[in-house]
């Protein structure tokens, strides 16, 4: 739900049926007070829970439903994963210099993390970014994601099975329908 929706009169009336004295914050209060407070609290919790642990930062580039390029960053520590940041990159090309600067920005922003490794897609730009980052982070191990490599392998294998082309086309039509008609 968008933050401005909290000011819609129908929402307030609906909630007042359940709790007559309820008062909702403005969208400004929601963003500036409550969201910032929740973010600060989550950082404190993460800092306490990860004290003394070595984490792996995992990056994942993808495209959202609107066709916008996004890079997500999470910290993986033993049995828990912590969301760090989501970056909409716009028209910015994901070249080695950009990726290296972005990864460095994330590592420096969360300076309380003890980063032992960074995992990313197995694309050439990431491999070049690792070479750029290695001098600044000599104790951090940079490597490609095994799942991403396996995904590419399976994708190539399926592409060679021409008898699946009809099924693949039908699946793409179904996905396209949901993206354009159900989630516009």
Foldseek 3Di string as FASTA:
>chain_A
DQLQCQPDVVVVVVVCVVPVVDDTDHSCCCVPPVVVVVVVVLLVVCLVVQQPFEWEKEWEWDADLVRWIKIWIWIDTDPDIGTQDIDGPGPDDLALVVVLVVVVVSCVVSVSHRYQEYEYAPDPRQVSNCVVCCVVPVRYHYDYDPVNVVVVVVVVVVVVVVVCVVVVVVVVVVVVCCSPPVPD
